[in-house]
PDB file of N, CA and C in Angstrom:
ATOM      1  N   MET A   1     -23.809   8.665   1.742  1.00  0.00           N
ATOM      2  CA  MET A   1     -23.134   7.611   2.484  1.00  0.00           C
ATOM      3  C   MET A   1     -23.525   7.738   3.956  1.00  0.00           C
ATOM      4  N   ARG A   2     -23.754   6.634   4.564  1.00  0.00           N
ATOM      5  CA  ARG A   2     -24.131   6.658   5.976  1.00  0.00           C
ATOM      6  C   ARG A   2     -22.964   7.110   6.831  1.00  0.00           C
ATOM      7  N   LYS A   3     -23.294   7.735   7.953  1.00  0.00           N
ATOM      8  CA  LYS A   3     -22.255   8.269   8.826  1.00  0.00           C
ATOM      9  C   LYS A   3     -21.384   7.153   9.410  1.00  0.00           C
ATOM     10  N   GLY A   4     -21.961   6.038   9.787  1.00  0.00           N
ATOM     11  CA  GLY A   4     -21.181   4.927  10.332  1.00  0.00           C
ATOM     12  C   GLY A   4     -20.201   4.351   9.331  1.00  0.00           C
ATOM     13  N   LEU A   5     -20.650   4.237   8.087  1.00  0.00           N
ATOM     14  CA  LEU A   5     -19.772   3.726   7.035  1.00  0.00           C
ATOM     15  C   LEU A   5     -18.630   4.707   6.767  1.00  0.00           C
ATOM     16  N   TYR A   6     -18.957   6.000   6.766  1.00  0.00           N
ATOM     17  CA  TYR A   6     -17.931   7.019   6.563  1.00  0.00           C
ATOM     18  C   TYR A   6     -16.874   6.944   7.664  1.00  0.00           C
ATOM     19  N   SER A   7     -17.298   6.770   8.893  1.00  0.00           N
ATOM     20  CA  SER A   7     -16.350   6.668  10.016  1.00  0.00           C
ATOM     21  C   SER A   7     -15.473   5.433   9.884  1.00  0.00           C
ATOM     22  N   ARG A   8     -16.061   4.314   9.471  1.00  0.00           N
ATOM     23  CA  ARG A   8     -15.280   3.090   9.303  1.00  0.00           C
ATOM     24  C   ARG A   8     -14.269   3.225   8.171  1.00  0.00           C
ATOM     25  N   LEU A   9     -14.690   3.851   7.069  1.00  0.00           N
ATOM     26  CA  LEU A   9     -13.762   4.057   5.961  1.00  0.00           C
ATOM     27  C   LEU A   9     -12.626   4.990   6.367  1.00  0.00           C
ATOM     28  N   PHE A  10     -12.955   6.063   7.065  1.00  0.00           N
ATOM     29  CA  PHE A  10     -11.929   6.990   7.525  1.00  0.00           C
ATOM     30  C   PHE A  10     -10.941   6.275   8.445  1.00  0.00           C
ATOM     31  N   SER A  11     -11.467   5.465   9.365  1.00  0.00           N
ATOM     32  CA  SER A  11     -10.594   4.728  10.284  1.00  0.00           C
ATOM     33  C   SER A  11      -9.693   3.759   9.528  1.00  0.00           C
ATOM     34  N   LEU A  12     -10.265   3.067   8.546  1.00  0.00           N
ATOM     35  CA  LEU A  12      -9.475   2.117   7.750  1.00  0.00           C
ATOM     36  C   LEU A  12      -8.343   2.838   7.017  1.00  0.00           C
ATOM     37  N   PHE A  13      -8.660   3.939   6.347  1.00  0.00           N
ATOM     38  CA  PHE A  13      -7.641   4.673   5.601  1.00  0.00           C
ATOM     39  C   PHE A  13      -6.592   5.274   6.528  1.00  0.00           C
ATOM     40  N   PHE A  14      -7.015   5.760   7.689  1.00  0.00           N
ATOM     41  CA  PHE A  14      -6.062   6.340   8.626  1.00  0.00           C
ATOM     42  C   PHE A  14      -5.111   5.285   9.163  1.00  0.00           C
ATOM     43  N   VAL A  15      -5.639   4.128   9.552  1.00  0.00           N
ATOM     44  CA  VAL A  15      -4.791   3.057  10.080  1.00  0.00           C
ATOM     45  C   VAL A  15      -3.840   2.558   8.991  1.00  0.00           C
ATOM     46  N   THR A  16      -4.345   2.422   7.761  1.00  0.00           N
ATOM     47  CA  THR A  16      -3.487   1.999   6.653  1.00  0.00           C
ATOM     48  C   THR A  16      -2.349   2.987   6.449  1.00  0.00           C
ATOM     49  N   TRP A  17      -2.674   4.276   6.419  1.00  0.00           N
ATOM     50  CA  TRP A  17      -1.653   5.312   6.245  1.00  0.00           C
ATOM     51  C   TRP A  17      -0.650   5.286   7.406  1.00  0.00           C
ATOM     52  N   ALA A  18      -1.141   5.143   8.640  1.00  0.00           N
ATOM     53  CA  ALA A  18      -0.256   5.159   9.806  1.00  0.00           C
ATOM     54  C   ALA A  18       0.713   3.973   9.776  1.00  0.00           C
ATOM     55  N   VAL A  19       0.212   2.790   9.486  1.00  0.00           N
ATOM     56  CA  VAL A  19       1.073   1.605   9.433  1.00  0.00           C
ATOM     57  C   VAL A  19       2.091   1.736   8.301  1.00  0.00           C
ATOM     58  N   TYR A  20       1.645   2.190   7.140  1.00  0.00           N
ATOM     59  CA  TYR A  20       2.545   2.393   6.003  1.00  0.00           C
ATOM     60  C   TYR A  20       3.646   3.388   6.368  1.00  0.00           C
ATOM     61  N   SER A  21       3.271   4.478   7.027  1.00  0.00           N
ATOM     62  CA  SER A  21       4.254   5.497   7.415  1.00  0.00           C
ATOM     63  C   SER A  21       5.262   4.959   8.417  1.00  0.00           C
ATOM     64  N   ILE A  22       4.792   4.221   9.398  1.00  0.00           N
ATOM     65  CA  ILE A  22       5.688   3.670  10.423  1.00  0.00           C
ATOM     66  C   ILE A  22       6.658   2.667   9.801  1.00  0.00           C
ATOM     67  N   VAL A  23       6.130   1.777   8.958  1.00  0.00           N
ATOM     68  CA  VAL A  23       6.986   0.754   8.346  1.00  0.00           C
ATOM     69  C   VAL A  23       8.031   1.394   7.440  1.00  0.00           C
ATOM     70  N   PHE A  24       7.598   2.279   6.545  1.00  0.00           N
ATOM     71  CA  PHE A  24       8.545   2.826   5.581  1.00  0.00           C
ATOM     72  C   PHE A  24       9.495   3.849   6.185  1.00  0.00           C
ATOM     73  N   SER A  25       9.179   4.389   7.366  1.00  0.00           N
ATOM     74  CA  SER A  25      10.164   5.255   8.015  1.00  0.00           C
ATOM     75  C   SER A  25      11.309   4.435   8.601  1.00  0.00           C
ATOM     76  N   GLN A  26      11.086   3.152   8.808  1.00  0.00           N
ATOM     77  CA  GLN A  26      12.120   2.284   9.363  1.00  0.00           C
ATOM     78  C   GLN A  26      12.829   1.449   8.302  1.00  0.00           C
ATOM     79  N   VAL A  27      12.250   1.341   7.123  1.00  0.00           N
ATOM     80  CA  VAL A  27      12.850   0.526   6.064  1.00  0.00           C
ATOM     81  C   VAL A  27      14.164   1.123   5.592  1.00  0.00           C
ATOM     82  N   ILE A  28      14.216   2.421   5.383  1.00  0.00           N
ATOM     83  CA  ILE A  28      15.423   3.057   4.852  1.00  0.00           C
ATOM     84  C   ILE A  28      16.609   2.893   5.802  1.00  0.00           C
ATOM     85  N   PRO A  29      16.480   3.211   7.105  1.00  0.00           N
ATOM     86  CA  PRO A  29      17.629   2.981   7.991  1.00  0.00           C
ATOM     87  C   PRO A  29      18.017   1.504   8.097  1.00  0.00           C
ATOM     88  N   PHE A  30      17.018   0.614   8.076  1.00  0.00           N
ATOM     89  CA  PHE A  30      17.328  -0.813   8.152  1.00  0.00           C
ATOM     90  C   PHE A  30      18.133  -1.261   6.935  1.00  0.00           C
ATOM     91  N   LEU A  31      17.663  -0.904   5.747  1.00  0.00           N
ATOM     92  CA  LEU A  31      18.385  -1.310   4.536  1.00  0.00           C
ATOM     93  C   LEU A  31      19.770  -0.686   4.485  1.00  0.00           C
ATOM     94  N   HIS A  32      19.899   0.518   4.978  1.00  0.00           N
ATOM     95  CA  HIS A  32      21.209   1.167   5.017  1.00  0.00           C
ATOM     96  C   HIS A  32      22.142   0.418   5.967  1.00  0.00           C
ATOM     97  N   SER A  33      21.613  -0.033   7.111  1.00  0.00           N
ATOM     98  CA  SER A  33      22.449  -0.751   8.081  1.00  0.00           C
ATOM     99  C   SER A  33      22.840  -2.139   7.583  1.00  0.00           C
ATOM    100  N   VAL A  34      22.022  -2.717   6.709  1.00  0.00           N
ATOM    101  CA  VAL A  34      22.329  -4.030   6.146  1.00  0.00           C
ATOM    102  C   VAL A  34      23.429  -3.931   5.102  1.00  0.00           C
ATOM    103  N   GLY A  35      23.597  -2.738   4.518  1.00  0.00           N
ATOM    104  CA  GLY A  35      24.691  -2.561   3.575  1.00  0.00           C
ATOM    105  C   GLY A  35      24.287  -2.033   2.206  1.00  0.00           C
ATOM    106  N   TYR A  36      23.018  -1.743   2.008  1.00  0.00           N
ATOM    107  CA  TYR A  36      22.593  -1.187   0.724  1.00  0.00           C
ATOM    108  C   TYR A  36      22.928   0.302   0.680  1.00  0.00           C
ATOM    109  N   ASN A  37      23.286   0.799  -0.506  1.00  0.00           N
ATOM    110  CA  ASN A  37      23.544   2.235  -0.618  1.00  0.00           C
ATOM    111  C   ASN A  37      22.245   2.954  -1.008  1.00  0.00           C
ATOM    112  N   GLU A  38      22.305   4.285  -1.071  1.00  0.00           N
ATOM    113  CA  GLU A  38      21.094   5.073  -1.298  1.00  0.00           C
ATOM    114  C   GLU A  38      20.447   4.775  -2.644  1.00  0.00           C
ATOM    115  N   SER A  39      21.265   4.548  -3.657  1.00  0.00           N
ATOM    116  CA  SER A  39      20.726   4.254  -4.986  1.00  0.00           C
ATOM    117  C   SER A  39      19.956   2.935  -4.992  1.00  0.00           C
ATOM    118  N   GLN A  40      20.516   1.913  -4.368  1.00  0.00           N
ATOM    119  CA  GLN A  40      19.844   0.621  -4.311  1.00  0.00           C
ATOM    120  C   GLN A  40      18.543   0.710  -3.518  1.00  0.00           C
ATOM    121  N   ILE A  41      18.560   1.451  -2.429  1.00  0.00           N
ATOM    122  CA  ILE A  41      17.352   1.614  -1.615  1.00  0.00           C
ATOM    123  C   ILE A  41      16.271   2.326  -2.417  1.00  0.00           C
ATOM    124  N   SER A  42      16.657   3.366  -3.151  1.00  0.00           N
ATOM    125  CA  SER A  42      15.655   4.095  -3.930  1.00  0.00           C
ATOM    126  C   SER A  42      15.065   3.214  -5.027  1.00  0.00           C
ATOM    127  N   TRP A  43      15.876   2.370  -5.652  1.00  0.00           N
ATOM    128  CA  TRP A  43      15.348   1.454  -6.665  1.00  0.00           C
ATOM    129  C   TRP A  43      14.382   0.454  -6.043  1.00  0.00           C
ATOM    130  N   MET A  44      14.696  -0.061  -4.861  1.00  0.00           N
ATOM    131  CA  MET A  44      13.800  -1.014  -4.198  1.00  0.00           C
ATOM    132  C   MET A  44      12.466  -0.380  -3.844  1.00  0.00           C
ATOM    133  N   LEU A  45      12.501   0.843  -3.298  1.00  0.00           N
ATOM    134  CA  LEU A  45      11.257   1.505  -2.921  1.00  0.00           C
ATOM    135  C   LEU A  45      10.446   1.904  -4.149  1.00  0.00           C
ATOM    136  N   THR A  46      11.122   2.314  -5.210  1.00  0.00           N
ATOM    137  CA  THR A  46      10.421   2.637  -6.458  1.00  0.00           C
ATOM    138  C   THR A  46       9.765   1.394  -7.038  1.00  0.00           C
ATOM    139  N   ALA A  47      10.494   0.292  -7.049  1.00  0.00           N
ATOM    140  CA  ALA A  47       9.938  -0.966  -7.566  1.00  0.00           C
ATOM    141  C   ALA A  47       8.740  -1.404  -6.737  1.00  0.00           C
ATOM    142  N   SER A  48       8.805  -1.247  -5.424  1.00  0.00           N
ATOM    143  CA  SER A  48       7.690  -1.643  -4.576  1.00  0.00           C
ATOM    144  C   SER A  48       6.461  -0.790  -4.863  1.00  0.00           C
ATOM    145  N   ALA A  49       6.642   0.514  -5.104  1.00  0.00           N
ATOM    146  CA  ALA A  49       5.503   1.383  -5.433  1.00  0.00           C
ATOM    147  C   ALA A  49       4.914   1.010  -6.793  1.00  0.00           C
ATOM    148  N   LEU A  50       5.761   0.754  -7.776  1.00  0.00           N
ATOM    149  CA  LEU A  50       5.269   0.387  -9.101  1.00  0.00           C
ATOM    150  C   LEU A  50       4.550  -0.959  -9.090  1.00  0.00           C
ATOM    151  N   ILE A  51       5.075  -1.913  -8.348  1.00  0.00           N
ATOM    152  CA  ILE A  51       4.415  -3.215  -8.230  1.00  0.00           C
ATOM    153  C   ILE A  51       3.050  -3.048  -7.576  1.00  0.00           C
ATOM    154  N   GLY A  52       2.976  -2.192  -6.553  1.00  0.00           N
ATOM    155  CA  GLY A  52       1.686  -1.932  -5.907  1.00  0.00           C
ATOM    156  C   GLY A  52       0.674  -1.323  -6.858  1.00  0.00           C
ATOM    157  N   MET A  53       1.108  -0.370  -7.682  1.00  0.00           N
ATOM    158  CA  MET A  53       0.194   0.256  -8.641  1.00  0.00           C
ATOM    159  C   MET A  53      -0.275  -0.749  -9.694  1.00  0.00           C
ATOM    160  N   MET A  54       0.643  -1.543 -10.205  1.00  0.00           N
ATOM    161  CA  MET A  54       0.278  -2.518 -11.228  1.00  0.00           C
ATOM    162  C   MET A  54      -0.649  -3.592 -10.655  1.00  0.00           C
ATOM    163  N   THR A  55      -0.394  -4.001  -9.430  1.00  0.00           N
ATOM    164  CA  THR A  55      -1.240  -5.008  -8.796  1.00  0.00           C
ATOM    165  C   THR A  55      -2.660  -4.486  -8.629  1.00  0.00           C
ATOM    166  N   GLN A  56      -2.811  -3.225  -8.219  1.00  0.00           N
ATOM    167  CA  GLN A  56      -4.146  -2.648  -8.081  1.00  0.00           C
ATOM    168  C   GLN A  56      -4.879  -2.620  -9.411  1.00  0.00           C
ATOM    169  N   LEU A  57      -4.169  -2.245 -10.485  1.00  0.00           N
ATOM    170  CA  LEU A  57      -4.803  -2.218 -11.798  1.00  0.00           C
ATOM    171  C   LEU A  57      -5.233  -3.614 -12.243  1.00  0.00           C
ATOM    172  N   LEU A  58      -4.357  -4.598 -12.058  1.00  0.00           N
ATOM    173  CA  LEU A  58      -4.681  -5.952 -12.490  1.00  0.00           C
ATOM    174  C   LEU A  58      -5.831  -6.548 -11.686  1.00  0.00           C
ATOM    175  N   ILE A  59      -5.816  -6.347 -10.387  1.00  0.00           N
ATOM    176  CA  ILE A  59      -6.898  -6.875  -9.554  1.00  0.00           C
ATOM    177  C   ILE A  59      -8.205  -6.157  -9.868  1.00  0.00           C
ATOM    178  N   GLY A  60      -8.146  -4.835 -10.070  1.00  0.00           N
ATOM    179  CA  GLY A  60      -9.347  -4.086 -10.438  1.00  0.00           C
ATOM    180  C   GLY A  60      -9.926  -4.558 -11.763  1.00  0.00           C
ATOM    181  N   TYR A  61      -9.066  -4.785 -12.746  1.00  0.00           N
ATOM    182  CA  TYR A  61      -9.513  -5.300 -14.041  1.00  0.00           C
ATOM    183  C   TYR A  61     -10.154  -6.667 -13.879  1.00  0.00           C
ATOM    184  N   TRP A  62      -9.502  -7.533 -13.123  1.00  0.00           N
ATOM    185  CA  TRP A  62     -10.019  -8.889 -12.918  1.00  0.00           C
ATOM    186  C   TRP A  62     -11.380  -8.850 -12.230  1.00  0.00           C
ATOM    187  N   LEU A  63     -11.519  -8.007 -11.185  1.00  0.00           N
ATOM    188  CA  LEU A  63     -12.798  -7.918 -10.482  1.00  0.00           C
ATOM    189  C   LEU A  63     -13.893  -7.365 -11.394  1.00  0.00           C
ATOM    190  N   ASP A  64     -13.562  -6.366 -12.222  1.00  0.00           N
ATOM    191  CA  ASP A  64     -14.557  -5.807 -13.126  1.00  0.00           C
ATOM    192  C   ASP A  64     -14.943  -6.803 -14.223  1.00  0.00           C
ATOM    193  N   LYS A  65     -13.973  -7.542 -14.721  1.00  0.00           N
ATOM    194  CA  LYS A  65     -14.244  -8.483 -15.800  1.00  0.00           C
ATOM    195  C   LYS A  65     -15.133  -9.627 -15.337  1.00  0.00           C
ATOM    196  N   TYR A  66     -14.834 -10.185 -14.189  1.00  0.00           N
ATOM    197  CA  TYR A  66     -15.586 -11.328 -13.692  1.00  0.00           C
ATOM    198  C   TYR A  66     -16.662 -10.944 -12.705  1.00  0.00           C
ATOM    199  N   GLN A  67     -16.865  -9.662 -12.466  1.00  0.00           N
ATOM    200  CA  GLN A  67     -17.909  -9.122 -11.594  1.00  0.00           C
ATOM    201  C   GLN A  67     -17.947  -9.798 -10.237  1.00  0.00           C
ATOM    202  N   LYS A  68     -16.792  -9.936  -9.640  1.00  0.00           N
ATOM    203  CA  LYS A  68     -16.723 -10.505  -8.302  1.00  0.00           C
ATOM    204  C   LYS A  68     -17.106  -9.445  -7.284  1.00  0.00           C
ATOM    205  N   PRO A  69     -17.852  -9.807  -6.270  1.00  0.00           N
ATOM    206  CA  PRO A  69     -18.160  -8.806  -5.239  1.00  0.00           C
ATOM    207  C   PRO A  69     -16.887  -8.426  -4.481  1.00  0.00           C
ATOM    208  N   LYS A  70     -16.770  -7.158  -4.180  1.00  0.00           N
ATOM    209  CA  LYS A  70     -15.592  -6.676  -3.470  1.00  0.00           C
ATOM    210  C   LYS A  70     -15.852  -6.777  -1.974  1.00  0.00           C
ATOM    211  N   SER A  71     -15.284  -7.775  -1.347  1.00  0.00           N
ATOM    212  CA  SER A  71     -15.469  -7.919   0.099  1.00  0.00           C
ATOM    213  C   SER A  71     -14.711  -6.829   0.809  1.00  0.00           C
ATOM    214  N   PHE A  72     -15.314  -6.255   1.792  1.00  0.00           N
ATOM    215  CA  PHE A  72     -14.771  -5.060   2.444  1.00  0.00           C
ATOM    216  C   PHE A  72     -15.064  -5.167   3.922  1.00  0.00           C
ATOM    217  N   LEU A  73     -14.023  -5.241   4.709  1.00  0.00           N
ATOM    218  CA  LEU A  73     -14.140  -5.386   6.174  1.00  0.00           C
ATOM    219  C   LEU A  73     -15.146  -6.442   6.477  1.00  0.00           C
TER     220      LEU A  73
END
């Protein structure tokens, strides 16, 4: 892999991780302040993770089946 591509991929993954961390560190206190209890918050976050995993599988299957080029940056 070229060094420039490696740097761009690293930057993309780092920014994605940083934004995800910042957002989800604030979601729990926000939902708690709105009135949800800990059990409801955990179900919402679990559902969001499962939906994300299923979406990746479905999109990956669709791209492989129809051989669509994966646009990237």
